[in-house]
N, C-alpha and C. Protein backbone atom coordinates (compact mmCIF):
# COMPACT_ATOMS: atom_id res chain seq x y z
N UNK A 1 0.84 -1.17 0.00
CA UNK A 1 0.00 0.00 0.00
C UNK A 1 0.89 1.23 0.00
N UNK A 2 0.60 2.16 -0.87
CA UNK A 2 1.34 3.40 -0.92
C UNK A 2 0.52 4.49 -0.26
N UNK A 3 1.15 5.25 0.60
CA UNK A 3 0.48 6.33 1.31
C UNK A 3 1.00 7.65 0.75
N UNK A 4 0.09 8.55 0.46
CA UNK A 4 0.45 9.84 -0.11
C UNK A 4 0.31 10.93 0.93
N UNK A 5 1.10 11.95 0.81
CA UNK A 5 0.96 13.11 1.67
C UNK A 5 1.43 14.34 0.92
N UNK A 6 1.10 15.48 1.48
CA UNK A 6 1.39 16.76 0.86
C UNK A 6 2.80 17.20 1.25
N UNK A 7 3.78 16.92 0.40
CA UNK A 7 5.15 17.33 0.69
C UNK A 7 5.68 16.68 1.94
N UNK A 8 6.10 17.49 2.89
CA UNK A 8 6.66 16.98 4.15
C UNK A 8 5.59 16.70 5.20
N UNK A 9 4.41 17.27 5.03
CA UNK A 9 3.36 17.12 6.04
C UNK A 9 2.52 15.87 5.77
N UNK A 10 2.35 15.09 6.82
CA UNK A 10 1.57 13.86 6.71
C UNK A 10 0.18 14.02 7.30
N UNK A 11 -0.10 15.19 7.85
CA UNK A 11 -1.46 15.50 8.32
C UNK A 11 -1.67 17.00 8.24
N UNK A 12 -2.92 17.41 8.28
CA UNK A 12 -3.25 18.84 8.23
C UNK A 12 -3.82 19.35 9.55
N UNK A 13 -3.92 18.48 10.55
CA UNK A 13 -4.55 18.88 11.80
C UNK A 13 -3.56 19.33 12.87
N UNK A 14 -2.29 19.14 12.63
CA UNK A 14 -1.27 19.41 13.65
C UNK A 14 -1.31 20.79 14.26
N UNK A 15 -1.42 21.81 13.43
CA UNK A 15 -1.41 23.17 13.97
C UNK A 15 -2.65 23.44 14.82
N UNK A 16 -3.79 22.88 14.43
CA UNK A 16 -5.01 23.08 15.23
C UNK A 16 -4.93 22.32 16.55
N UNK A 17 -4.37 21.12 16.52
CA UNK A 17 -4.20 20.35 17.76
C UNK A 17 -3.32 21.13 18.73
N UNK A 18 -2.22 21.65 18.22
CA UNK A 18 -1.29 22.42 19.07
C UNK A 18 -1.98 23.66 19.64
N UNK A 19 -2.72 24.36 18.79
CA UNK A 19 -3.44 25.56 19.22
C UNK A 19 -4.45 25.22 20.33
N UNK A 20 -5.22 24.17 20.15
CA UNK A 20 -6.22 23.78 21.14
C UNK A 20 -5.56 23.30 22.44
N UNK A 21 -4.46 22.58 22.31
CA UNK A 21 -3.75 22.11 23.51
C UNK A 21 -3.22 23.30 24.31
N UNK A 22 -2.65 24.26 23.62
CA UNK A 22 -2.11 25.43 24.30
C UNK A 22 -3.21 26.27 24.94
N UNK A 23 -4.39 26.32 24.31
CA UNK A 23 -5.53 27.03 24.91
C UNK A 23 -5.90 26.43 26.25
N UNK A 24 -5.75 25.11 26.36
CA UNK A 24 -6.05 24.43 27.62
C UNK A 24 -4.86 24.48 28.58
N UNK A 25 -3.74 24.99 28.10
CA UNK A 25 -2.52 25.11 28.90
C UNK A 25 -2.11 23.76 29.50
N UNK A 26 -2.07 22.74 28.62
CA UNK A 26 -1.64 21.41 29.04
C UNK A 26 -0.45 20.96 28.19
N UNK A 27 0.33 20.07 28.74
CA UNK A 27 1.50 19.55 28.03
C UNK A 27 1.08 18.46 27.04
N UNK A 28 2.00 18.12 26.16
CA UNK A 28 1.75 17.03 25.22
C UNK A 28 1.55 15.72 25.98
N UNK A 29 2.27 15.55 27.06
CA UNK A 29 2.15 14.32 27.86
C UNK A 29 0.76 14.21 28.48
N UNK A 30 0.26 15.30 29.02
CA UNK A 30 -1.07 15.28 29.63
C UNK A 30 -2.13 15.01 28.57
N UNK A 31 -2.00 15.66 27.41
CA UNK A 31 -2.96 15.42 26.33
C UNK A 31 -2.94 13.95 25.92
N UNK A 32 -1.75 13.39 25.77
CA UNK A 32 -1.63 11.98 25.39
C UNK A 32 -2.31 11.08 26.41
N UNK A 33 -2.10 11.36 27.68
CA UNK A 33 -2.72 10.57 28.74
C UNK A 33 -4.24 10.65 28.67
N UNK A 34 -4.76 11.85 28.49
CA UNK A 34 -6.21 12.03 28.42
C UNK A 34 -6.80 11.36 27.19
N UNK A 35 -6.13 11.49 26.05
CA UNK A 35 -6.64 10.85 24.84
C UNK A 35 -6.58 9.32 24.95
N UNK A 36 -5.61 8.81 25.67
CA UNK A 36 -5.48 7.36 25.85
C UNK A 36 -6.64 6.76 26.62
N UNK A 37 -7.35 7.59 27.38
CA UNK A 37 -8.52 7.11 28.11
C UNK A 37 -9.61 6.61 27.16
N UNK A 38 -9.51 6.99 25.88
CA UNK A 38 -10.47 6.53 24.87
C UNK A 38 -10.25 5.08 24.49
N UNK A 39 -9.11 4.52 24.92
CA UNK A 39 -8.78 3.15 24.56
C UNK A 39 -7.79 3.05 23.41
N UNK A 40 -7.43 4.18 22.84
CA UNK A 40 -6.44 4.22 21.76
C UNK A 40 -5.14 4.73 22.37
N UNK A 41 -4.06 4.05 22.08
CA UNK A 41 -2.77 4.40 22.67
C UNK A 41 -2.19 5.66 22.05
N UNK A 42 -2.08 6.71 22.85
CA UNK A 42 -1.40 7.94 22.48
C UNK A 42 -0.23 8.13 23.43
N UNK A 43 0.89 8.59 22.91
CA UNK A 43 2.04 8.90 23.74
C UNK A 43 2.42 10.36 23.53
N UNK A 44 3.31 10.85 24.35
CA UNK A 44 3.81 12.21 24.18
C UNK A 44 4.45 12.37 22.80
N UNK A 45 5.17 11.34 22.36
CA UNK A 45 5.79 11.37 21.04
C UNK A 45 4.75 11.39 19.92
N UNK A 46 3.64 10.68 20.12
CA UNK A 46 2.55 10.69 19.15
C UNK A 46 2.03 12.12 18.97
N UNK A 47 1.79 12.81 20.08
CA UNK A 47 1.27 14.18 20.02
C UNK A 47 2.29 15.10 19.37
N UNK A 48 3.55 14.96 19.74
CA UNK A 48 4.61 15.77 19.12
C UNK A 48 4.62 15.60 17.61
N UNK A 49 4.55 14.37 17.15
CA UNK A 49 4.60 14.11 15.72
C UNK A 49 3.34 14.58 15.00
N UNK A 50 2.20 14.47 15.65
CA UNK A 50 0.96 15.00 15.06
C UNK A 50 1.09 16.52 14.90
N UNK A 51 1.53 17.19 15.97
CA UNK A 51 1.64 18.65 15.93
C UNK A 51 2.67 19.12 14.89
N UNK A 52 3.73 18.36 14.70
CA UNK A 52 4.74 18.72 13.71
C UNK A 52 4.34 18.32 12.30
N UNK A 53 3.29 17.50 12.18
CA UNK A 53 2.82 17.08 10.87
C UNK A 53 3.61 15.92 10.29
N UNK A 54 4.38 15.23 11.13
CA UNK A 54 5.22 14.14 10.64
C UNK A 54 4.60 12.77 10.86
N UNK A 55 3.37 12.73 11.33
CA UNK A 55 2.69 11.47 11.58
C UNK A 55 1.31 11.47 10.94
N UNK A 56 0.97 10.39 10.28
CA UNK A 56 -0.37 10.23 9.74
C UNK A 56 -1.36 10.11 10.89
N UNK A 57 -2.55 10.63 10.68
CA UNK A 57 -3.60 10.54 11.69
C UNK A 57 -4.79 9.81 11.08
N UNK A 58 -5.02 8.58 11.49
CA UNK A 58 -6.17 7.83 10.95
C UNK A 58 -7.49 8.44 11.41
N UNK A 59 -8.54 8.11 10.70
CA UNK A 59 -9.85 8.70 10.99
C UNK A 59 -10.33 8.42 12.42
N UNK A 60 -10.04 7.24 12.94
CA UNK A 60 -10.50 6.94 14.30
C UNK A 60 -9.79 7.80 15.34
N UNK A 61 -8.54 8.18 15.09
CA UNK A 61 -7.83 9.08 16.00
C UNK A 61 -8.35 10.51 15.84
N UNK A 62 -8.64 10.90 14.62
CA UNK A 62 -9.21 12.23 14.36
C UNK A 62 -10.49 12.40 15.16
N UNK A 63 -11.32 11.39 15.16
CA UNK A 63 -12.58 11.43 15.89
C UNK A 63 -12.36 11.59 17.39
N UNK A 64 -11.41 10.85 17.94
CA UNK A 64 -11.11 10.93 19.37
C UNK A 64 -10.60 12.32 19.74
N UNK A 65 -9.72 12.86 18.91
CA UNK A 65 -9.15 14.19 19.18
C UNK A 65 -10.25 15.26 19.10
N UNK A 66 -11.10 15.18 18.08
CA UNK A 66 -12.19 16.15 17.94
C UNK A 66 -13.13 16.07 19.14
N UNK A 67 -13.48 14.87 19.55
CA UNK A 67 -14.37 14.69 20.70
C UNK A 67 -13.74 15.26 21.97
N UNK A 68 -12.46 15.01 22.17
CA UNK A 68 -11.79 15.50 23.38
C UNK A 68 -11.86 17.03 23.45
N UNK A 69 -11.57 17.70 22.34
CA UNK A 69 -11.54 19.16 22.32
C UNK A 69 -12.92 19.78 22.09
N UNK A 70 -13.94 18.94 21.88
CA UNK A 70 -15.30 19.42 21.63
C UNK A 70 -15.35 20.33 20.39
N UNK A 71 -14.67 19.88 19.34
CA UNK A 71 -14.69 20.58 18.05
C UNK A 71 -15.08 19.57 16.98
N UNK A 72 -15.37 20.08 15.79
CA UNK A 72 -15.70 19.18 14.68
C UNK A 72 -14.42 18.72 13.99
N UNK A 73 -14.53 17.62 13.29
CA UNK A 73 -13.39 17.16 12.50
C UNK A 73 -13.10 18.16 11.39
N UNK A 74 -14.12 18.82 10.88
CA UNK A 74 -13.90 19.86 9.86
C UNK A 74 -13.04 20.99 10.40
N UNK A 75 -13.23 21.34 11.67
CA UNK A 75 -12.39 22.37 12.27
C UNK A 75 -10.93 21.91 12.31
N UNK A 76 -10.71 20.70 12.78
CA UNK A 76 -9.35 20.18 12.84
C UNK A 76 -8.71 20.10 11.46
N UNK A 77 -9.52 19.77 10.46
CA UNK A 77 -9.02 19.65 9.09
C UNK A 77 -8.84 20.99 8.40
N UNK A 78 -9.23 22.07 9.06
CA UNK A 78 -9.07 23.39 8.46
C UNK A 78 -10.14 23.76 7.46
N UNK A 79 -11.23 23.02 7.45
CA UNK A 79 -12.32 23.28 6.49
C UNK A 79 -13.24 24.40 6.97
N UNK A 80 -13.16 24.72 8.26
CA UNK A 80 -13.97 25.79 8.84
C UNK A 80 -13.20 26.40 10.00
N UNK A 81 -13.50 27.64 10.29
CA UNK A 81 -12.89 28.31 11.45
C UNK A 81 -13.79 28.24 12.67
N UNK A 82 -14.97 27.66 12.48
CA UNK A 82 -15.92 27.54 13.58
C UNK A 82 -15.62 26.26 14.36
N UNK A 83 -15.28 26.43 15.62
CA UNK A 83 -14.96 25.28 16.46
C UNK A 83 -16.21 24.48 16.71
């Protein structure tokens, strides 16, 4: 299976995740711990790579992240500015 991405970025949600995390004034480690409560394994390194755009984000993780921050997946994807 070949996976495609836009240049160096493997996801488009990284900047929004970082922005939302900083709004809550929490570390990447705390965010990873809280997201892991969903049953999906997140680590501090996972969050770092998502925020830097160097990690692919599958749809099931996108859903968990959107639910945690109480935003839509469209917001995370940059399709709307409305949280």
